[in-house]
C-alpha atoms as a PDB file:
ATOM      1  CA  UNK A   1       0.000   0.000   0.000  1.00  0.00           C
ATOM      2  CA  UNK A   2       1.342   3.411  -0.970  1.00  0.00           C
ATOM      3  CA  UNK A   3       1.438   6.187   1.602  1.00  0.00           C
ATOM      4  CA  UNK A   4       0.158   8.783  -0.853  1.00  0.00           C
ATOM      5  CA  UNK A   5      -3.431   8.595  -2.063  1.00  0.00           C
ATOM      6  CA  UNK A   6      -3.599  11.660  -4.333  1.00  0.00           C
ATOM      7  CA  UNK A   7      -7.139  12.328  -3.024  1.00  0.00           C
ATOM      8  CA  UNK A   8      -6.041  15.622  -1.481  1.00  0.00           C
ATOM      9  CA  UNK A   9      -4.320  17.013  -4.541  1.00  0.00           C
ATOM     10  CA  UNK A  10      -7.096  19.532  -5.181  1.00  0.00           C
ATOM     11  CA  UNK A  11      -7.079  21.003  -1.675  1.00  0.00           C
ATOM     12  CA  UNK A  12      -9.761  18.812  -0.127  1.00  0.00           C
ATOM     13  CA  UNK A  13      -9.660  16.010   2.418  1.00  0.00           C
ATOM     14  CA  UNK A  14     -12.113  13.509   3.881  1.00  0.00           C
ATOM     15  CA  UNK A  15     -13.534  13.563   7.373  1.00  0.00           C
ATOM     16  CA  UNK A  16     -14.467  10.389   9.222  1.00  0.00           C
ATOM     17  CA  UNK A  17     -17.775   9.438   7.671  1.00  0.00           C
ATOM     18  CA  UNK A  18     -16.642  10.349   4.154  1.00  0.00           C
ATOM     19  CA  UNK A  19     -17.600  14.030   3.863  1.00  0.00           C
ATOM     20  CA  UNK A  20     -15.102  16.014   1.739  1.00  0.00           C
ATOM     21  CA  UNK A  21     -14.045  19.443   2.990  1.00  0.00           C
ATOM     22  CA  UNK A  22     -11.513  22.110   2.071  1.00  0.00           C
ATOM     23  CA  UNK A  23      -8.158  21.769   3.781  1.00  0.00           C
ATOM     24  CA  UNK A  24      -8.655  25.396   4.833  1.00  0.00           C
ATOM     25  CA  UNK A  25     -11.862  24.650   6.761  1.00  0.00           C
ATOM     26  CA  UNK A  26     -12.161  25.498  10.445  1.00  0.00           C
ATOM     27  CA  UNK A  27     -12.397  21.791  11.242  1.00  0.00           C
ATOM     28  CA  UNK A  28      -9.109  20.974   9.492  1.00  0.00           C
ATOM     29  CA  UNK A  29      -7.447  24.002  11.098  1.00  0.00           C
ATOM     30  CA  UNK A  30      -8.607  22.769  14.511  1.00  0.00           C
ATOM     31  CA  UNK A  31      -7.460  19.179  14.326  1.00  0.00           C
ATOM     32  CA  UNK A  32      -4.372  20.145  12.324  1.00  0.00           C
ATOM     33  CA  UNK A  33      -3.274  22.391  15.172  1.00  0.00           C
ATOM     34  CA  UNK A  34      -3.932  19.559  17.641  1.00  0.00           C
ATOM     35  CA  UNK A  35      -1.710  17.364  15.448  1.00  0.00           C
ATOM     36  CA  UNK A  36       0.994  20.059  15.459  1.00  0.00           C
ATOM     37  CA  UNK A  37       0.793  20.180  19.250  1.00  0.00           C
ATOM     38  CA  UNK A  38       1.101  16.410  19.455  1.00  0.00           C
ATOM     39  CA  UNK A  39       4.231  16.496  17.300  1.00  0.00           C
ATOM     40  CA  UNK A  40       5.771  19.225  19.401  1.00  0.00           C
ATOM     41  CA  UNK A  41       5.067  17.254  22.572  1.00  0.00           C
ATOM     42  CA  UNK A  42       7.056  14.430  20.966  1.00  0.00           C
ATOM     43  CA  UNK A  43       9.975  16.819  20.614  1.00  0.00           C
ATOM     44  CA  UNK A  44       9.582  18.030  24.204  1.00  0.00           C
ATOM     45  CA  UNK A  45       9.708  14.442  25.460  1.00  0.00           C
ATOM     46  CA  UNK A  46      13.223  14.109  24.035  1.00  0.00           C
ATOM     47  CA  UNK A  47      14.430  16.925  26.307  1.00  0.00           C
ATOM     48  CA  UNK A  48      12.321  16.497  29.453  1.00  0.00           C
ATOM     49  CA  UNK A  49      14.310  15.753  32.591  1.00  0.00           C
ATOM     50  CA  UNK A  50      11.721  14.098  34.832  1.00  0.00           C
ATOM     51  CA  UNK A  51      10.472  10.584  33.996  1.00  0.00           C
ATOM     52  CA  UNK A  52       7.018  11.250  35.501  1.00  0.00           C
ATOM     53  CA  UNK A  53       6.649  14.239  33.188  1.00  0.00           C
ATOM     54  CA  UNK A  54       7.715  12.097  30.212  1.00  0.00           C
ATOM     55  CA  UNK A  55       5.096   9.474  31.102  1.00  0.00           C
ATOM     56  CA  UNK A  56       2.433  12.152  31.467  1.00  0.00           C
ATOM     57  CA  UNK A  57       3.340  13.707  28.118  1.00  0.00           C
ATOM     58  CA  UNK A  58       3.029  10.333  26.414  1.00  0.00           C
ATOM     59  CA  UNK A  59      -0.433   9.913  27.966  1.00  0.00           C
ATOM     60  CA  UNK A  60      -1.375  13.369  26.690  1.00  0.00           C
ATOM     61  CA  UNK A  61      -0.187  12.462  23.193  1.00  0.00           C
ATOM     62  CA  UNK A  62      -2.567   9.498  23.212  1.00  0.00           C
ATOM     63  CA  UNK A  63      -5.411  11.713  24.437  1.00  0.00           C
ATOM     64  CA  UNK A  64      -4.710  14.219  21.677  1.00  0.00           C
ATOM     65  CA  UNK A  65      -5.231  11.466  19.097  1.00  0.00           C
ATOM     66  CA  UNK A  66      -8.714  11.054  20.541  1.00  0.00           C
ATOM     67  CA  UNK A  67      -9.233  14.839  20.441  1.00  0.00           C
ATOM     68  CA  UNK A  68      -8.187  14.836  16.785  1.00  0.00           C
ATOM     69  CA  UNK A  69     -10.501  11.994  15.829  1.00  0.00           C
ATOM     70  CA  UNK A  70     -13.351  13.625  17.768  1.00  0.00           C
ATOM     71  CA  UNK A  71     -12.799  16.868  15.838  1.00  0.00           C
ATOM     72  CA  UNK A  72     -12.497  14.983  12.523  1.00  0.00           C
ATOM     73  CA  UNK A  73     -15.840  13.243  13.042  1.00  0.00           C
ATOM     74  CA  UNK A  74     -18.925  15.417  12.618  1.00  0.00           C
ATOM     75  CA  UNK A  75     -21.752  14.591  15.005  1.00  0.00           C
ATOM     76  CA  UNK A  76     -24.431  13.571  12.495  1.00  0.00           C
ATOM     77  CA  UNK A  77     -26.473  10.597  11.337  1.00  0.00           C
ATOM     78  CA  UNK A  78     -23.732   9.449   8.913  1.00  0.00           C
ATOM     79  CA  UNK A  79     -21.178   9.141  11.713  1.00  0.00           C
ATOM     80  CA  UNK A  80     -23.440   7.910  14.521  1.00  0.00           C
ATOM     81  CA  UNK A  81     -22.616   4.284  13.655  1.00  0.00           C
ATOM     82  CA  UNK A  82     -18.852   4.897  13.743  1.00  0.00           C
ATOM     83  CA  UNK A  83     -17.140   3.806  16.932  1.00  0.00           C
ATOM     84  CA  UNK A  84     -15.252   7.034  17.560  1.00  0.00           C
ATOM     85  CA  UNK A  85     -14.158   7.734  21.111  1.00  0.00           C
ATOM     86  CA  UNK A  86     -15.249  11.207  22.183  1.00  0.00           C
ATOM     87  CA  UNK A  87     -13.539  13.483  24.683  1.00  0.00           C
ATOM     88  CA  UNK A  88     -15.155  13.090  28.091  1.00  0.00           C
ATOM     89  CA  UNK A  89     -15.086  15.069  31.299  1.00  0.00           C
ATOM     90  CA  UNK A  90     -12.491  12.597  32.626  1.00  0.00           C
ATOM     91  CA  UNK A  91      -9.922  14.048  30.211  1.00  0.00           C
ATOM     92  CA  UNK A  92      -9.857  17.446  31.863  1.00  0.00           C
ATOM     93  CA  UNK A  93     -10.487  16.147  35.393  1.00  0.00           C
ATOM     94  CA  UNK A  94      -7.315  14.050  35.078  1.00  0.00           C
ATOM     95  CA  UNK A  95      -5.413  17.122  33.867  1.00  0.00           C
ATOM     96  CA  UNK A  96      -6.639  19.106  36.881  1.00  0.00           C
ATOM     97  CA  UNK A  97      -5.246  16.402  39.192  1.00  0.00           C
ATOM     98  CA  UNK A  98      -1.896  16.554  37.414  1.00  0.00           C
ATOM     99  CA  UNK A  99      -1.796  20.349  37.680  1.00  0.00           C
ATOM    100  CA  UNK A 100      -2.462  20.119  41.419  1.00  0.00           C
ATOM    101  CA  UNK A 101       0.170  17.382  41.850  1.00  0.00           C
ATOM    102  CA  UNK A 102       3.000  19.232  40.120  1.00  0.00           C
ATOM    103  CA  UNK A 103       2.018  22.709  41.305  1.00  0.00           C
ATOM    104  CA  UNK A 104       2.142  21.537  44.940  1.00  0.00           C
ATOM    105  CA  UNK A 105       5.870  20.922  44.444  1.00  0.00           C
ATOM    106  CA  UNK A 106       6.591  24.468  43.259  1.00  0.00           C
ATOM    107  CA  UNK A 107       7.088  27.767  45.018  1.00  0.00           C
ATOM    108  CA  UNK A 108       4.106  30.094  44.827  1.00  0.00           C
ATOM    109  CA  UNK A 109       4.219  32.562  41.982  1.00  0.00           C
ATOM    110  CA  UNK A 110       4.757  36.134  43.086  1.00  0.00           C
ATOM    111  CA  UNK A 111       5.654  37.567  39.682  1.00  0.00           C
ATOM    112  CA  UNK A 112       4.819  36.991  36.061  1.00  0.00           C
ATOM    113  CA  UNK A 113       7.456  34.813  34.446  1.00  0.00           C
ATOM    114  CA  UNK A 114       8.863  34.760  30.946  1.00  0.00           C
ATOM    115  CA  UNK A 115       8.881  31.576  28.893  1.00  0.00           C
ATOM    116  CA  UNK A 116      12.296  29.970  29.144  1.00  0.00           C
ATOM    117  CA  UNK A 117      14.837  28.640  31.568  1.00  0.00           C
ATOM    118  CA  UNK A 118      15.898  25.112  30.716  1.00  0.00           C
ATOM    119  CA  UNK A 119      15.529  23.726  27.204  1.00  0.00           C
ATOM    120  CA  UNK A 120      12.781  21.347  28.363  1.00  0.00           C
ATOM    121  CA  UNK A 121      10.876  24.167  30.083  1.00  0.00           C
ATOM    122  CA  UNK A 122      11.180  26.304  26.967  1.00  0.00           C
ATOM    123  CA  UNK A 123       9.761  23.490  24.822  1.00  0.00           C
ATOM    124  CA  UNK A 124       6.884  23.019  27.264  1.00  0.00           C
ATOM    125  CA  UNK A 125       6.138  26.751  27.046  1.00  0.00           C
ATOM    126  CA  UNK A 126       5.927  26.364  23.257  1.00  0.00           C
ATOM    127  CA  UNK A 127       3.526  23.444  23.822  1.00  0.00           C
ATOM    128  CA  UNK A 128       1.478  25.785  26.011  1.00  0.00           C
ATOM    129  CA  UNK A 129       1.207  28.399  23.272  1.00  0.00           C
ATOM    130  CA  UNK A 130       0.351  25.835  20.586  1.00  0.00           C
ATOM    131  CA  UNK A 131      -2.340  24.501  22.933  1.00  0.00           C
ATOM    132  CA  UNK A 132      -3.775  28.007  23.255  1.00  0.00           C
ATOM    133  CA  UNK A 133      -3.854  28.292  19.450  1.00  0.00           C
ATOM    134  CA  UNK A 134      -5.546  24.897  19.178  1.00  0.00           C
ATOM    135  CA  UNK A 135      -8.111  26.078  21.704  1.00  0.00           C
ATOM    136  CA  UNK A 136      -8.782  29.213  19.629  1.00  0.00           C
ATOM    137  CA  UNK A 137      -9.181  27.082  16.492  1.00  0.00           C
ATOM    138  CA  UNK A 138     -11.654  24.762  18.239  1.00  0.00           C
ATOM    139  CA  UNK A 139     -13.629  27.755  19.545  1.00  0.00           C
ATOM    140  CA  UNK A 140     -13.764  29.139  15.976  1.00  0.00           C
ATOM    141  CA  UNK A 141     -14.993  25.758  14.737  1.00  0.00           C
ATOM    142  CA  UNK A 142     -17.575  25.664  17.520  1.00  0.00           C
ATOM    143  CA  UNK A 143     -18.920  28.997  16.223  1.00  0.00           C
ATOM    144  CA  UNK A 144     -19.910  27.267  12.966  1.00  0.00           C
ATOM    145  CA  UNK A 145     -20.656  23.661  14.030  1.00  0.00           C
ATOM    146  CA  UNK A 146     -21.202  22.194  17.465  1.00  0.00           C
ATOM    147  CA  UNK A 147     -18.208  20.364  18.910  1.00  0.00           C
ATOM    148  CA  UNK A 148     -18.002  18.620  22.248  1.00  0.00           C
ATOM    149  CA  UNK A 149     -17.598  21.183  25.028  1.00  0.00           C
ATOM    150  CA  UNK A 150     -15.184  18.845  26.815  1.00  0.00           C
ATOM    151  CA  UNK A 151     -12.631  19.441  24.042  1.00  0.00           C
ATOM    152  CA  UNK A 152     -12.457  23.169  24.746  1.00  0.00           C
ATOM    153  CA  UNK A 153     -12.237  22.634  28.504  1.00  0.00           C
ATOM    154  CA  UNK A 154      -9.550  19.955  28.057  1.00  0.00           C
ATOM    155  CA  UNK A 155      -7.408  22.249  25.898  1.00  0.00           C
ATOM    156  CA  UNK A 156      -7.851  25.107  28.341  1.00  0.00           C
ATOM    157  CA  UNK A 157      -6.641  22.939  31.239  1.00  0.00           C
ATOM    158  CA  UNK A 158      -3.880  21.434  29.136  1.00  0.00           C
ATOM    159  CA  UNK A 159      -2.299  24.842  28.509  1.00  0.00           C
ATOM    160  CA  UNK A 160      -2.312  25.435  32.273  1.00  0.00           C
ATOM    161  CA  UNK A 161      -0.649  22.068  32.775  1.00  0.00           C
ATOM    162  CA  UNK A 162       2.127  22.935  30.316  1.00  0.00           C
ATOM    163  CA  UNK A 163       2.783  26.143  32.265  1.00  0.00           C
ATOM    164  CA  UNK A 164       3.112  24.192  35.523  1.00  0.00           C
ATOM    165  CA  UNK A 165       5.232  21.466  33.890  1.00  0.00           C
ATOM    166  CA  UNK A 166       7.583  24.089  32.447  1.00  0.00           C
ATOM    167  CA  UNK A 167       8.091  25.535  35.920  1.00  0.00           C
ATOM    168  CA  UNK A 168       8.546  22.031  37.331  1.00  0.00           C
ATOM    169  CA  UNK A 169      11.161  21.191  34.697  1.00  0.00           C
ATOM    170  CA  UNK A 170      13.063  24.354  35.620  1.00  0.00           C
ATOM    171  CA  UNK A 171      12.984  23.273  39.241  1.00  0.00           C
ATOM    172  CA  UNK A 172      14.258  19.776  38.347  1.00  0.00           C
ATOM    173  CA  UNK A 173      17.017  21.354  36.259  1.00  0.00           C
ATOM    174  CA  UNK A 174      17.897  23.723  39.125  1.00  0.00           C
ATOM    175  CA  UNK A 175      17.173  26.715  36.912  1.00  0.00           C
ATOM    176  CA  UNK A 176      15.097  29.594  38.239  1.00  0.00           C
ATOM    177  CA  UNK A 177      12.051  30.849  36.373  1.00  0.00           C
ATOM    178  CA  UNK A 178      12.783  34.104  34.562  1.00  0.00           C
ATOM    179  CA  UNK A 179      10.865  36.917  36.262  1.00  0.00           C
ATOM    180  CA  UNK A 180       9.226  39.507  34.060  1.00  0.00           C
ATOM    181  CA  UNK A 181      10.670  42.927  34.808  1.00  0.00           C
ATOM    182  CA  UNK A 182       8.686  45.668  33.084  1.00  0.00           C
END
């Protein structure tokens, strides 16, 4: 089987269920940005210091595949028979527990901080900003077609988690967060 299908050569792609849409559609922008985030998390994993953080990032990568398939599958009668896993409340509840776990090990924030510090923290800050963009893309999609509200909440919490993990990685690397000095 060849990896290229040539079905997208005219700027369209298929959603789960068979519907053809422009590659510039809000839906493709949304799950494409989630895919970009997932790839960048893979890069971050190569630099992360803490093994618990690496394990968590791998779990998040798997969850993002579910987010992508949820976004790529319109909620309609054509797709109702497909066995697509949807994003549930558990996704963001688990993220909240992880935020609390890692944040409890950090000093309280008294200043705004700049993205940076260790290489792993810097990469996690980039993951945070890509997550924010993915969230904006999903909100834009939700303005035209209904998507699961758990996706937006999950992405919102996920960006918070990346912020905490970046700070945690700096701590593990014995590098101080960079305070913003206006």
